[in-house]
């Protein structure tokens, strides 16, 4: 099996989703897979999150992660559902320590040099840069990469079709996370056609970034 971080590098764009109703999970996964983005970070922001993780993880044709992970109990619950990676908005030492000790992939959120150094102490070198645009976007990412050239980043927060290519062209960008691909309203309204188109657009932009 291809290691998780290598899959991120291949996919380049990670859809970040909040699913209100777990019954929508299969159609969402179908749209993402058909659109060329076989990956989803399902956030712990809705009551249906765990059920959605379970349903999607059972498929076997899509990489499933848990997002907005704030507690160790959430890591355990998501892992029980078959989730393959964890994403947190910030750097929580307890959550990170548990994941590292149990060989669970985690990309914690960072936005300062101190955050990065805390992550390096745990042996992590693939980190979520969040909230990317609010903290200066690519300019800040480039500055952080100066002293921390060993780190690869997953910019998330304010990333969309208008700036995705620029982020992906930056050599230290592993992948980008984005909520625009599968918005909660589109999921709840059954607009999986829009999600399919958004996924295809993201794939095309990722190829454009790679070509230049």
N, C-alpha and C. Protein backbone atom coordinates (compact mmCIF):
# COMPACT_ATOMS: atom_id res chain seq x y z
N UNK A 1 0.85 -1.20 0.00
CA UNK A 1 0.00 0.00 0.00
C UNK A 1 0.88 1.25 0.00
N UNK A 2 0.47 2.25 -0.76
CA UNK A 2 1.22 3.50 -0.83
C UNK A 2 1.07 4.24 0.50
N UNK A 3 2.19 4.66 1.12
CA UNK A 3 2.10 5.42 2.37
C UNK A 3 1.18 6.65 2.23
N UNK A 4 0.54 7.01 3.33
CA UNK A 4 -0.46 8.08 3.31
C UNK A 4 0.10 9.38 2.76
N UNK A 5 1.26 9.81 3.23
CA UNK A 5 1.80 11.09 2.78
C UNK A 5 2.13 11.06 1.29
N UNK A 6 2.54 9.90 0.80
CA UNK A 6 2.79 9.78 -0.64
C UNK A 6 1.48 9.89 -1.42
N UNK A 7 0.41 9.41 -0.83
CA UNK A 7 -0.90 9.54 -1.48
C UNK A 7 -1.33 11.01 -1.52
N UNK A 8 -1.05 11.74 -0.44
CA UNK A 8 -1.34 13.18 -0.44
C UNK A 8 -0.61 13.86 -1.60
N UNK A 9 0.67 13.53 -1.74
CA UNK A 9 1.50 14.16 -2.77
C UNK A 9 0.98 13.83 -4.16
N UNK A 10 0.40 12.66 -4.32
CA UNK A 10 -0.14 12.25 -5.62
C UNK A 10 -1.48 12.93 -5.88
N UNK A 11 -2.34 12.98 -4.87
CA UNK A 11 -3.68 13.56 -5.03
C UNK A 11 -3.62 15.08 -5.12
N UNK A 12 -2.75 15.69 -4.30
CA UNK A 12 -2.48 17.13 -4.27
C UNK A 12 -3.57 18.00 -3.65
N UNK A 13 -4.82 17.58 -3.71
CA UNK A 13 -5.91 18.36 -3.13
C UNK A 13 -6.76 17.45 -2.25
N UNK A 14 -6.94 17.86 -0.99
CA UNK A 14 -7.70 17.06 -0.03
C UNK A 14 -9.03 17.76 0.27
N UNK A 15 -10.14 17.21 -0.19
CA UNK A 15 -11.44 17.80 0.14
C UNK A 15 -11.71 17.72 1.64
N UNK A 16 -12.04 18.86 2.22
CA UNK A 16 -12.38 18.92 3.65
C UNK A 16 -13.90 19.07 3.74
N UNK A 17 -14.56 18.11 4.38
CA UNK A 17 -16.02 18.07 4.33
C UNK A 17 -16.65 17.94 5.71
N UNK A 18 -17.81 18.55 5.83
CA UNK A 18 -18.65 18.40 7.03
C UNK A 18 -19.98 17.82 6.57
N UNK A 19 -20.24 16.59 6.96
CA UNK A 19 -21.45 15.89 6.51
C UNK A 19 -22.49 15.88 7.61
N UNK A 20 -23.59 16.55 7.38
CA UNK A 20 -24.66 16.61 8.38
C UNK A 20 -25.40 15.28 8.48
N UNK A 21 -25.67 14.68 7.34
CA UNK A 21 -26.43 13.43 7.29
C UNK A 21 -25.58 12.34 6.68
N UNK A 22 -25.30 11.30 7.46
CA UNK A 22 -24.44 10.22 6.99
C UNK A 22 -25.01 9.52 5.77
N UNK A 23 -26.31 9.66 5.54
CA UNK A 23 -26.93 9.02 4.37
C UNK A 23 -26.40 9.61 3.06
N UNK A 24 -25.80 10.79 3.13
CA UNK A 24 -25.26 11.42 1.93
C UNK A 24 -23.84 10.95 1.60
N UNK A 25 -23.26 10.14 2.47
CA UNK A 25 -21.86 9.77 2.34
C UNK A 25 -21.53 9.05 1.05
N UNK A 26 -22.34 8.08 0.70
CA UNK A 26 -22.04 7.27 -0.49
C UNK A 26 -22.06 8.12 -1.76
N UNK A 27 -23.05 8.98 -1.90
CA UNK A 27 -23.12 9.82 -3.10
C UNK A 27 -21.97 10.82 -3.14
N UNK A 28 -21.57 11.31 -1.97
CA UNK A 28 -20.43 12.22 -1.90
C UNK A 28 -19.16 11.49 -2.35
N UNK A 29 -18.94 10.32 -1.81
CA UNK A 29 -17.75 9.55 -2.17
C UNK A 29 -17.75 9.22 -3.66
N UNK A 30 -18.92 8.87 -4.19
CA UNK A 30 -19.03 8.58 -5.62
C UNK A 30 -18.57 9.78 -6.45
N UNK A 31 -19.03 10.97 -6.06
CA UNK A 31 -18.70 12.19 -6.81
C UNK A 31 -17.20 12.48 -6.74
N UNK A 32 -16.62 12.33 -5.56
CA UNK A 32 -15.18 12.61 -5.40
C UNK A 32 -14.33 11.63 -6.20
N UNK A 33 -14.68 10.36 -6.12
CA UNK A 33 -13.92 9.34 -6.85
C UNK A 33 -14.04 9.56 -8.35
N UNK A 34 -15.28 9.79 -8.82
CA UNK A 34 -15.49 10.02 -10.25
C UNK A 34 -14.77 11.29 -10.72
N UNK A 35 -14.69 12.28 -9.82
CA UNK A 35 -14.03 13.53 -10.17
C UNK A 35 -12.52 13.47 -10.11
N UNK A 36 -11.97 12.34 -9.68
CA UNK A 36 -10.52 12.17 -9.65
C UNK A 36 -9.86 12.55 -8.35
N UNK A 37 -10.67 12.76 -7.29
CA UNK A 37 -10.13 13.08 -5.98
C UNK A 37 -10.58 12.03 -4.97
N UNK A 38 -9.97 10.87 -4.98
CA UNK A 38 -10.37 9.79 -4.08
C UNK A 38 -9.86 9.99 -2.66
N UNK A 39 -10.30 11.07 -2.03
CA UNK A 39 -9.82 11.40 -0.69
C UNK A 39 -10.83 12.33 -0.02
N UNK A 40 -10.98 12.20 1.29
CA UNK A 40 -11.85 13.11 2.02
C UNK A 40 -11.40 13.21 3.47
N UNK A 41 -11.32 14.43 3.95
CA UNK A 41 -11.09 14.69 5.37
C UNK A 41 -12.45 15.04 5.96
N UNK A 42 -13.04 14.12 6.70
CA UNK A 42 -14.37 14.32 7.29
C UNK A 42 -14.19 14.93 8.67
N UNK A 43 -14.71 16.12 8.85
CA UNK A 43 -14.47 16.86 10.08
C UNK A 43 -15.43 16.47 11.20
N UNK A 44 -14.92 16.55 12.42
CA UNK A 44 -15.72 16.31 13.62
C UNK A 44 -16.53 17.56 13.95
N UNK A 45 -17.33 18.02 13.01
CA UNK A 45 -18.13 19.22 13.24
C UNK A 45 -19.63 18.93 13.20
N UNK A 46 -19.97 17.70 12.93
CA UNK A 46 -21.38 17.33 12.81
C UNK A 46 -21.66 16.03 13.55
N UNK A 47 -22.92 15.82 13.96
CA UNK A 47 -23.27 14.57 14.64
C UNK A 47 -23.08 13.34 13.76
N UNK A 48 -23.16 13.52 12.45
CA UNK A 48 -23.06 12.37 11.54
C UNK A 48 -21.64 12.03 11.13
N UNK A 49 -20.66 12.72 11.70
CA UNK A 49 -19.27 12.55 11.24
C UNK A 49 -18.77 11.11 11.36
N UNK A 50 -18.93 10.49 12.51
CA UNK A 50 -18.39 9.14 12.70
C UNK A 50 -19.04 8.12 11.78
N UNK A 51 -20.36 8.21 11.63
CA UNK A 51 -21.05 7.29 10.72
C UNK A 51 -20.56 7.49 9.30
N UNK A 52 -20.36 8.75 8.92
CA UNK A 52 -19.87 9.04 7.58
C UNK A 52 -18.47 8.46 7.37
N UNK A 53 -17.62 8.58 8.38
CA UNK A 53 -16.28 7.99 8.29
C UNK A 53 -16.36 6.49 8.10
N UNK A 54 -17.22 5.85 8.86
CA UNK A 54 -17.37 4.39 8.77
C UNK A 54 -17.82 3.96 7.38
N UNK A 55 -18.84 4.64 6.88
CA UNK A 55 -19.40 4.28 5.56
C UNK A 55 -18.36 4.48 4.46
N UNK A 56 -17.66 5.60 4.52
CA UNK A 56 -16.70 5.90 3.47
C UNK A 56 -15.47 4.99 3.55
N UNK A 57 -15.02 4.72 4.76
CA UNK A 57 -13.83 3.89 4.93
C UNK A 57 -14.06 2.46 4.46
N UNK A 58 -15.29 1.98 4.53
CA UNK A 58 -15.60 0.62 4.12
C UNK A 58 -15.47 0.41 2.62
N UNK A 59 -15.54 1.49 1.85
CA UNK A 59 -15.54 1.38 0.39
C UNK A 59 -14.25 0.78 -0.16
N UNK A 60 -13.12 1.26 0.34
CA UNK A 60 -11.85 0.76 -0.15
C UNK A 60 -11.30 1.47 -1.36
N UNK A 61 -12.06 2.43 -1.92
CA UNK A 61 -11.57 3.14 -3.11
C UNK A 61 -11.33 4.61 -2.85
N UNK A 62 -11.30 4.99 -1.57
CA UNK A 62 -11.12 6.39 -1.23
C UNK A 62 -10.35 6.50 0.09
N UNK A 63 -9.41 7.42 0.14
CA UNK A 63 -8.62 7.65 1.35
C UNK A 63 -9.42 8.52 2.31
N UNK A 64 -9.62 8.06 3.52
CA UNK A 64 -10.50 8.76 4.46
C UNK A 64 -9.73 9.19 5.71
N UNK A 65 -9.89 10.46 6.06
CA UNK A 65 -9.28 10.99 7.26
C UNK A 65 -10.30 11.67 8.14
N UNK A 66 -9.90 11.93 9.37
CA UNK A 66 -10.74 12.66 10.32
C UNK A 66 -10.14 14.05 10.52
N UNK A 67 -10.99 15.07 10.43
CA UNK A 67 -10.53 16.43 10.62
C UNK A 67 -11.13 17.07 11.85
N UNK A 68 -10.64 18.24 12.21
CA UNK A 68 -11.05 18.94 13.43
C UNK A 68 -10.92 18.02 14.64
N UNK A 69 -9.81 17.27 14.68
CA UNK A 69 -9.55 16.36 15.80
C UNK A 69 -8.98 17.17 16.96
N UNK A 70 -9.71 17.21 18.05
CA UNK A 70 -9.34 18.03 19.20
C UNK A 70 -8.99 17.21 20.44
N UNK A 71 -9.41 15.93 20.46
CA UNK A 71 -9.23 15.11 21.65
C UNK A 71 -8.73 13.72 21.27
N UNK A 72 -8.05 13.09 22.20
CA UNK A 72 -7.58 11.73 22.00
C UNK A 72 -8.75 10.78 21.76
N UNK A 73 -9.85 11.00 22.48
CA UNK A 73 -11.02 10.14 22.30
C UNK A 73 -11.53 10.18 20.86
N UNK A 74 -11.40 11.32 20.21
CA UNK A 74 -11.82 11.41 18.82
C UNK A 74 -10.90 10.61 17.91
N UNK A 75 -9.62 10.62 18.22
CA UNK A 75 -8.67 9.81 17.46
C UNK A 75 -9.05 8.33 17.56
N UNK A 76 -9.32 7.89 18.78
CA UNK A 76 -9.67 6.49 19.00
C UNK A 76 -10.95 6.12 18.26
N UNK A 77 -11.95 7.01 18.34
CA UNK A 77 -13.24 6.74 17.70
C UNK A 77 -13.09 6.68 16.19
N UNK A 78 -12.33 7.62 15.63
CA UNK A 78 -12.13 7.65 14.18
C UNK A 78 -11.35 6.43 13.71
N UNK A 79 -10.32 6.06 14.47
CA UNK A 79 -9.53 4.88 14.11
C UNK A 79 -10.39 3.62 14.10
N UNK A 80 -11.32 3.55 15.04
CA UNK A 80 -12.23 2.42 15.10
C UNK A 80 -13.13 2.35 13.87
N UNK A 81 -13.37 3.49 13.23
CA UNK A 81 -14.20 3.54 12.03
C UNK A 81 -13.41 3.20 10.77
N UNK A 82 -12.10 3.02 10.91
CA UNK A 82 -11.29 2.68 9.75
C UNK A 82 -10.59 3.86 9.10
N UNK A 83 -10.63 5.01 9.77
CA UNK A 83 -9.98 6.21 9.23
C UNK A 83 -8.47 6.02 9.17
N UNK A 84 -7.83 6.57 8.13
CA UNK A 84 -6.41 6.32 7.91
C UNK A 84 -5.49 7.47 8.31
N UNK A 85 -6.04 8.65 8.54
CA UNK A 85 -5.19 9.76 8.98
C UNK A 85 -6.02 10.75 9.78
N UNK A 86 -5.32 11.54 10.61
CA UNK A 86 -5.95 12.53 11.47
C UNK A 86 -5.42 13.92 11.12
N UNK A 87 -6.31 14.91 11.24
CA UNK A 87 -5.92 16.30 11.00
C UNK A 87 -6.49 17.15 12.13
N UNK A 88 -5.64 17.96 12.74
CA UNK A 88 -6.11 18.84 13.80
C UNK A 88 -5.90 20.30 13.39
N UNK A 89 -6.74 21.20 13.88
CA UNK A 89 -6.60 22.61 13.51
C UNK A 89 -5.41 23.29 14.16
N UNK A 90 -4.99 22.76 15.30
CA UNK A 90 -3.85 23.33 16.02
C UNK A 90 -2.94 22.22 16.51
N UNK A 91 -1.94 22.60 17.32
CA UNK A 91 -1.00 21.60 17.83
C UNK A 91 -1.36 21.25 19.26
N UNK A 92 -1.96 20.08 19.43
CA UNK A 92 -2.32 19.57 20.75
C UNK A 92 -1.35 18.45 21.11
N UNK A 93 -0.44 18.69 22.07
CA UNK A 93 0.58 17.69 22.40
C UNK A 93 0.02 16.32 22.77
N UNK A 94 -1.11 16.29 23.48
CA UNK A 94 -1.69 15.02 23.88
C UNK A 94 -2.18 14.22 22.68
N UNK A 95 -2.84 14.91 21.76
CA UNK A 95 -3.35 14.24 20.56
C UNK A 95 -2.18 13.76 19.70
N UNK A 96 -1.20 14.63 19.51
CA UNK A 96 -0.06 14.28 18.68
C UNK A 96 0.72 13.11 19.29
N UNK A 97 0.94 13.16 20.59
CA UNK A 97 1.68 12.09 21.27
C UNK A 97 0.97 10.76 21.11
N UNK A 98 -0.33 10.75 21.28
CA UNK A 98 -1.09 9.50 21.15
C UNK A 98 -0.96 8.94 19.74
N UNK A 99 -1.09 9.82 18.75
CA UNK A 99 -1.00 9.36 17.36
C UNK A 99 0.40 8.81 17.06
N UNK A 100 1.42 9.52 17.48
CA UNK A 100 2.79 9.08 17.22
C UNK A 100 3.06 7.74 17.90
N UNK A 101 2.63 7.62 19.15
CA UNK A 101 2.86 6.39 19.90
C UNK A 101 2.13 5.19 19.31
N UNK A 102 1.04 5.46 18.60
CA UNK A 102 0.23 4.37 18.04
C UNK A 102 0.34 4.28 16.52
N UNK A 103 1.37 4.92 15.99
CA UNK A 103 1.64 4.85 14.54
C UNK A 103 0.45 5.28 13.69
N UNK A 104 -0.21 6.34 14.14
CA UNK A 104 -1.33 6.92 13.40
C UNK A 104 -0.85 8.21 12.73
N UNK A 105 -1.08 8.33 11.45
CA UNK A 105 -0.66 9.53 10.73
C UNK A 105 -1.48 10.73 11.20
N UNK A 106 -0.78 11.80 11.56
CA UNK A 106 -1.46 13.04 11.93
C UNK A 106 -0.72 14.22 11.33
N UNK A 107 -1.48 15.16 10.81
CA UNK A 107 -0.91 16.42 10.32
C UNK A 107 -1.55 17.54 11.15
N UNK A 108 -0.88 17.92 12.24
CA UNK A 108 -1.44 18.96 13.11
C UNK A 108 -1.33 20.33 12.47
N UNK A 109 -2.22 21.23 12.88
CA UNK A 109 -2.19 22.59 12.36
C UNK A 109 -1.11 23.42 13.02
N UNK A 110 -0.42 24.20 12.19
CA UNK A 110 0.61 25.10 12.71
C UNK A 110 0.49 26.44 11.99
N UNK A 111 1.01 27.51 12.63
CA UNK A 111 1.05 28.81 11.94
C UNK A 111 2.21 29.67 12.43
N UNK A 112 3.05 29.12 13.34
CA UNK A 112 4.18 29.88 13.86
C UNK A 112 5.43 28.99 13.91
N UNK A 113 6.61 29.60 14.02
CA UNK A 113 7.84 28.81 14.18
C UNK A 113 7.79 27.91 15.42
N UNK A 114 7.23 28.42 16.49
CA UNK A 114 7.15 27.61 17.73
C UNK A 114 6.30 26.36 17.51
N UNK A 115 5.20 26.50 16.77
CA UNK A 115 4.36 25.34 16.44
C UNK A 115 5.17 24.31 15.67
N UNK A 116 5.93 24.77 14.69
CA UNK A 116 6.72 23.87 13.85
C UNK A 116 7.75 23.13 14.69
N UNK A 117 8.42 23.86 15.58
CA UNK A 117 9.44 23.22 16.41
C UNK A 117 8.83 22.19 17.35
N UNK A 118 7.64 22.46 17.85
CA UNK A 118 6.96 21.48 18.70
C UNK A 118 6.67 20.22 17.90
N UNK A 119 6.26 20.38 16.65
CA UNK A 119 5.98 19.23 15.79
C UNK A 119 7.24 18.45 15.48
N UNK A 120 8.32 19.16 15.23
CA UNK A 120 9.59 18.50 14.93
C UNK A 120 10.06 17.65 16.10
N UNK A 121 9.77 18.09 17.31
CA UNK A 121 10.15 17.32 18.50
C UNK A 121 9.48 15.95 18.51
N UNK A 122 8.34 15.85 17.85
CA UNK A 122 7.63 14.57 17.76
C UNK A 122 7.98 13.80 16.49
N UNK A 123 8.92 14.34 15.73
CA UNK A 123 9.33 13.66 14.51
C UNK A 123 8.42 13.89 13.32
N UNK A 124 7.57 14.91 13.40
CA UNK A 124 6.64 15.19 12.31
C UNK A 124 7.24 16.23 11.35
N UNK A 125 7.14 15.96 10.07
CA UNK A 125 7.64 16.93 9.10
C UNK A 125 6.65 17.20 7.96
N UNK A 126 5.40 16.78 8.16
CA UNK A 126 4.30 17.12 7.24
C UNK A 126 3.22 17.76 8.09
N UNK A 127 3.01 19.06 7.91
CA UNK A 127 2.16 19.82 8.81
C UNK A 127 1.11 20.63 8.05
N UNK A 128 -0.03 20.80 8.69
CA UNK A 128 -1.10 21.62 8.12
C UNK A 128 -0.83 23.09 8.45
N UNK A 129 -0.78 23.94 7.43
CA UNK A 129 -0.63 25.38 7.65
C UNK A 129 -2.03 25.97 7.67
N UNK A 130 -2.49 26.36 8.86
CA UNK A 130 -3.88 26.78 9.04
C UNK A 130 -4.00 27.89 10.07
N UNK A 131 -4.90 28.85 9.84
CA UNK A 131 -5.63 29.11 8.60
C UNK A 131 -4.74 29.87 7.61
N UNK A 132 -4.48 29.28 6.50
CA UNK A 132 -3.45 29.74 5.57
C UNK A 132 -3.59 31.21 5.16
N UNK A 133 -4.70 31.55 4.56
CA UNK A 133 -4.85 32.91 4.05
C UNK A 133 -4.91 33.94 5.17
N UNK A 134 -5.54 33.61 6.26
CA UNK A 134 -5.66 34.54 7.39
C UNK A 134 -4.30 34.84 8.02
N UNK A 135 -3.36 33.91 7.86
CA UNK A 135 -2.03 34.11 8.44
C UNK A 135 -0.99 34.49 7.40
N UNK A 136 -1.44 35.13 6.35
CA UNK A 136 -0.49 35.69 5.38
C UNK A 136 -0.27 34.88 4.13
N UNK A 137 -0.94 33.74 4.02
CA UNK A 137 -0.90 32.96 2.79
C UNK A 137 0.48 32.48 2.39
N UNK A 138 0.70 32.47 1.09
CA UNK A 138 1.93 31.93 0.52
C UNK A 138 3.17 32.69 0.99
N UNK A 139 3.02 34.00 1.18
CA UNK A 139 4.16 34.81 1.64
C UNK A 139 4.67 34.31 2.99
N UNK A 140 3.75 34.03 3.92
CA UNK A 140 4.13 33.51 5.23
C UNK A 140 4.70 32.11 5.11
N UNK A 141 4.10 31.31 4.25
CA UNK A 141 4.57 29.94 4.07
C UNK A 141 6.01 29.93 3.55
N UNK A 142 6.29 30.81 2.63
CA UNK A 142 7.65 30.91 2.09
C UNK A 142 8.63 31.32 3.18
N UNK A 143 8.22 32.25 4.03
CA UNK A 143 9.09 32.71 5.12
C UNK A 143 9.34 31.60 6.13
N UNK A 144 8.32 30.85 6.47
CA UNK A 144 8.47 29.75 7.42
C UNK A 144 9.37 28.65 6.86
N UNK A 145 9.33 28.47 5.56
CA UNK A 145 10.11 27.41 4.94
C UNK A 145 11.61 27.71 4.92
N UNK A 146 11.97 28.97 5.13
CA UNK A 146 13.39 29.34 5.16
C UNK A 146 14.17 28.55 6.19
N UNK A 147 13.85 28.70 7.47
CA UNK A 147 14.58 27.95 8.50
C UNK A 147 14.11 26.51 8.67
N UNK A 148 12.96 26.18 8.09
CA UNK A 148 12.41 24.83 8.27
C UNK A 148 12.25 24.14 6.91
N UNK A 149 13.35 24.05 6.21
CA UNK A 149 13.33 23.48 4.87
C UNK A 149 13.00 22.00 4.83
N UNK A 150 13.05 21.34 5.99
CA UNK A 150 12.76 19.92 6.06
C UNK A 150 11.26 19.61 6.15
N UNK A 151 10.47 20.68 6.31
CA UNK A 151 9.03 20.50 6.51
C UNK A 151 8.26 20.68 5.21
N UNK A 152 7.26 19.82 5.02
CA UNK A 152 6.31 19.99 3.93
C UNK A 152 4.96 20.39 4.52
N UNK A 153 4.24 21.24 3.81
CA UNK A 153 3.03 21.83 4.36
C UNK A 153 1.78 21.47 3.57
N UNK A 154 0.65 21.48 4.29
CA UNK A 154 -0.66 21.32 3.67
C UNK A 154 -1.45 22.58 3.98
N UNK A 155 -1.35 23.62 3.14
CA UNK A 155 -2.10 24.85 3.38
C UNK A 155 -3.60 24.60 3.32
N UNK A 156 -4.31 25.09 4.30
CA UNK A 156 -5.75 24.91 4.39
C UNK A 156 -6.35 26.17 5.03
N UNK A 157 -7.50 26.59 4.53
CA UNK A 157 -8.14 27.77 5.07
C UNK A 157 -7.99 28.95 4.11
N UNK A 158 -9.01 29.18 3.32
CA UNK A 158 -8.95 30.26 2.33
C UNK A 158 -8.35 29.83 1.01
N UNK A 159 -8.04 28.56 0.88
CA UNK A 159 -7.50 28.04 -0.38
C UNK A 159 -8.67 27.70 -1.30
N UNK A 160 -8.57 28.09 -2.56
CA UNK A 160 -9.65 27.84 -3.52
C UNK A 160 -9.13 27.89 -4.94
N UNK A 161 -10.01 27.83 -5.92
CA UNK A 161 -9.59 27.81 -7.32
C UNK A 161 -8.72 29.00 -7.71
N UNK A 162 -8.93 30.14 -7.07
CA UNK A 162 -8.19 31.34 -7.43
C UNK A 162 -6.73 31.35 -7.01
N UNK A 163 -6.39 30.59 -5.98
CA UNK A 163 -4.99 30.60 -5.51
C UNK A 163 -4.38 29.21 -5.38
N UNK A 164 -5.13 28.18 -5.74
CA UNK A 164 -4.65 26.81 -5.59
C UNK A 164 -3.36 26.55 -6.37
N UNK A 165 -3.31 27.00 -7.61
CA UNK A 165 -2.13 26.75 -8.43
C UNK A 165 -0.88 27.35 -7.80
N UNK A 166 -1.00 28.57 -7.30
CA UNK A 166 0.17 29.22 -6.68
C UNK A 166 0.66 28.45 -5.47
N UNK A 167 -0.27 27.99 -4.66
CA UNK A 167 0.13 27.20 -3.49
C UNK A 167 0.80 25.89 -3.91
N UNK A 168 0.23 25.22 -4.89
CA UNK A 168 0.77 23.92 -5.31
C UNK A 168 2.10 24.04 -6.02
N UNK A 169 2.37 25.19 -6.61
CA UNK A 169 3.65 25.39 -7.29
C UNK A 169 4.80 25.59 -6.30
N UNK A 170 4.46 25.94 -5.07
CA UNK A 170 5.50 26.12 -4.06
C UNK A 170 6.09 24.76 -3.70
N UNK A 171 7.40 24.60 -3.81
CA UNK A 171 8.02 23.28 -3.63
C UNK A 171 7.76 22.60 -2.29
N UNK A 172 7.50 23.37 -1.25
CA UNK A 172 7.29 22.80 0.08
C UNK A 172 5.83 22.47 0.37
N UNK A 173 4.98 22.65 -0.63
CA UNK A 173 3.57 22.28 -0.46
C UNK A 173 3.39 20.82 -0.81
N UNK A 174 2.97 20.03 0.15
CA UNK A 174 2.71 18.61 -0.06
C UNK A 174 1.37 18.43 -0.78
N UNK A 175 0.37 19.14 -0.29
CA UNK A 175 -0.98 19.12 -0.85
C UNK A 175 -1.72 20.32 -0.27
N UNK A 176 -2.93 20.57 -0.73
CA UNK A 176 -3.75 21.64 -0.17
C UNK A 176 -5.07 21.05 0.29
N UNK A 177 -5.58 21.58 1.40
CA UNK A 177 -6.90 21.19 1.87
C UNK A 177 -7.91 22.25 1.49
N UNK A 178 -9.11 21.83 1.13
CA UNK A 178 -10.10 22.82 0.71
C UNK A 178 -11.53 22.42 0.99
N UNK A 179 -12.31 23.38 1.46
CA UNK A 179 -13.73 23.13 1.73
C UNK A 179 -14.63 23.47 0.55
N UNK A 180 -14.06 24.14 -0.46
CA UNK A 180 -14.89 24.59 -1.58
C UNK A 180 -15.36 23.43 -2.46
N UNK A 181 -14.64 22.34 -2.44
CA UNK A 181 -14.96 21.23 -3.34
C UNK A 181 -16.31 20.60 -2.99
N UNK A 182 -16.53 20.38 -1.71
CA UNK A 182 -17.77 19.73 -1.27
C UNK A 182 -18.34 20.51 -0.08
N UNK A 183 -18.95 21.63 -0.39
CA UNK A 183 -19.54 22.46 0.66
C UNK A 183 -20.71 21.73 1.33
N UNK A 184 -20.89 22.02 2.61
CA UNK A 184 -21.96 21.37 3.36
C UNK A 184 -23.33 21.61 2.74
N UNK A 185 -23.54 22.83 2.25
CA UNK A 185 -24.84 23.13 1.64
C UNK A 185 -25.05 22.32 0.37
N UNK A 186 -23.99 22.15 -0.41
CA UNK A 186 -24.12 21.35 -1.63
C UNK A 186 -24.42 19.89 -1.31
N UNK A 187 -23.79 19.39 -0.25
CA UNK A 187 -24.04 18.01 0.16
C UNK A 187 -25.49 17.84 0.61
N UNK A 188 -25.94 18.71 1.51
CA UNK A 188 -27.29 18.59 2.06
C UNK A 188 -28.38 18.83 1.02
N UNK A 189 -28.05 19.63 0.00
CA UNK A 189 -29.03 19.90 -1.07
C UNK A 189 -28.96 18.89 -2.20
N UNK A 190 -28.05 17.93 -2.07
CA UNK A 190 -27.94 16.90 -3.08
C UNK A 190 -27.30 17.35 -4.38
N UNK A 191 -26.51 18.42 -4.32
CA UNK A 191 -25.87 18.94 -5.53
C UNK A 191 -24.53 18.25 -5.77
N UNK A 192 -24.61 16.96 -5.96
CA UNK A 192 -23.39 16.19 -6.17
C UNK A 192 -22.81 16.42 -7.56
N UNK A 193 -23.64 16.98 -8.45
CA UNK A 193 -23.13 17.37 -9.77
C UNK A 193 -22.13 18.51 -9.63
N UNK A 194 -22.42 19.46 -8.73
CA UNK A 194 -21.50 20.56 -8.48
C UNK A 194 -20.21 20.06 -7.84
N UNK A 195 -20.36 19.14 -6.90
CA UNK A 195 -19.19 18.57 -6.22
C UNK A 195 -18.31 17.84 -7.23
N UNK A 196 -18.94 17.10 -8.13
CA UNK A 196 -18.20 16.39 -9.18
C UNK A 196 -17.41 17.39 -10.04
N UNK A 197 -18.08 18.47 -10.44
CA UNK A 197 -17.41 19.49 -11.26
C UNK A 197 -16.28 20.17 -10.49
N UNK A 198 -16.52 20.44 -9.21
CA UNK A 198 -15.46 21.07 -8.40
C UNK A 198 -14.25 20.17 -8.26
N UNK A 199 -14.51 18.88 -8.10
CA UNK A 199 -13.40 17.92 -7.99
C UNK A 199 -12.61 17.87 -9.29
N UNK A 200 -13.31 17.84 -10.39
CA UNK A 200 -12.63 17.81 -11.69
C UNK A 200 -11.81 19.08 -11.90
N UNK A 201 -12.38 20.23 -11.50
CA UNK A 201 -11.66 21.49 -11.64
C UNK A 201 -10.38 21.48 -10.79
N UNK A 202 -10.48 20.96 -9.56
CA UNK A 202 -9.32 20.91 -8.68
C UNK A 202 -8.23 20.03 -9.28
N UNK A 203 -8.61 18.90 -9.85
CA UNK A 203 -7.65 18.00 -10.49
C UNK A 203 -6.97 18.70 -11.66
N UNK A 204 -7.75 19.42 -12.46
CA UNK A 204 -7.19 20.15 -13.60
C UNK A 204 -6.21 21.23 -13.15
N UNK A 205 -6.55 21.93 -12.08
CA UNK A 205 -5.66 22.99 -11.56
C UNK A 205 -4.38 22.37 -11.00
N UNK A 206 -4.50 21.22 -10.36
CA UNK A 206 -3.30 20.54 -9.83
C UNK A 206 -2.37 20.13 -10.97
N UNK A 207 -2.95 19.67 -12.08
CA UNK A 207 -2.13 19.31 -13.24
C UNK A 207 -1.48 20.54 -13.85
N UNK A 208 -2.21 21.66 -13.84
CA UNK A 208 -1.66 22.91 -14.35
C UNK A 208 -0.46 23.35 -13.51
N UNK A 209 -0.58 23.20 -12.19
CA UNK A 209 0.51 23.57 -11.30
C UNK A 209 1.73 22.69 -11.55
N UNK A 210 1.50 21.44 -11.82
CA UNK A 210 2.61 20.51 -12.04
C UNK A 210 3.30 20.78 -13.38
N UNK A 211 2.54 21.27 -14.34
CA UNK A 211 3.07 21.47 -15.68
C UNK A 211 3.91 22.72 -15.82
N UNK A 212 3.79 23.63 -14.86
CA UNK A 212 4.51 24.91 -14.97
C UNK A 212 5.55 25.08 -13.87
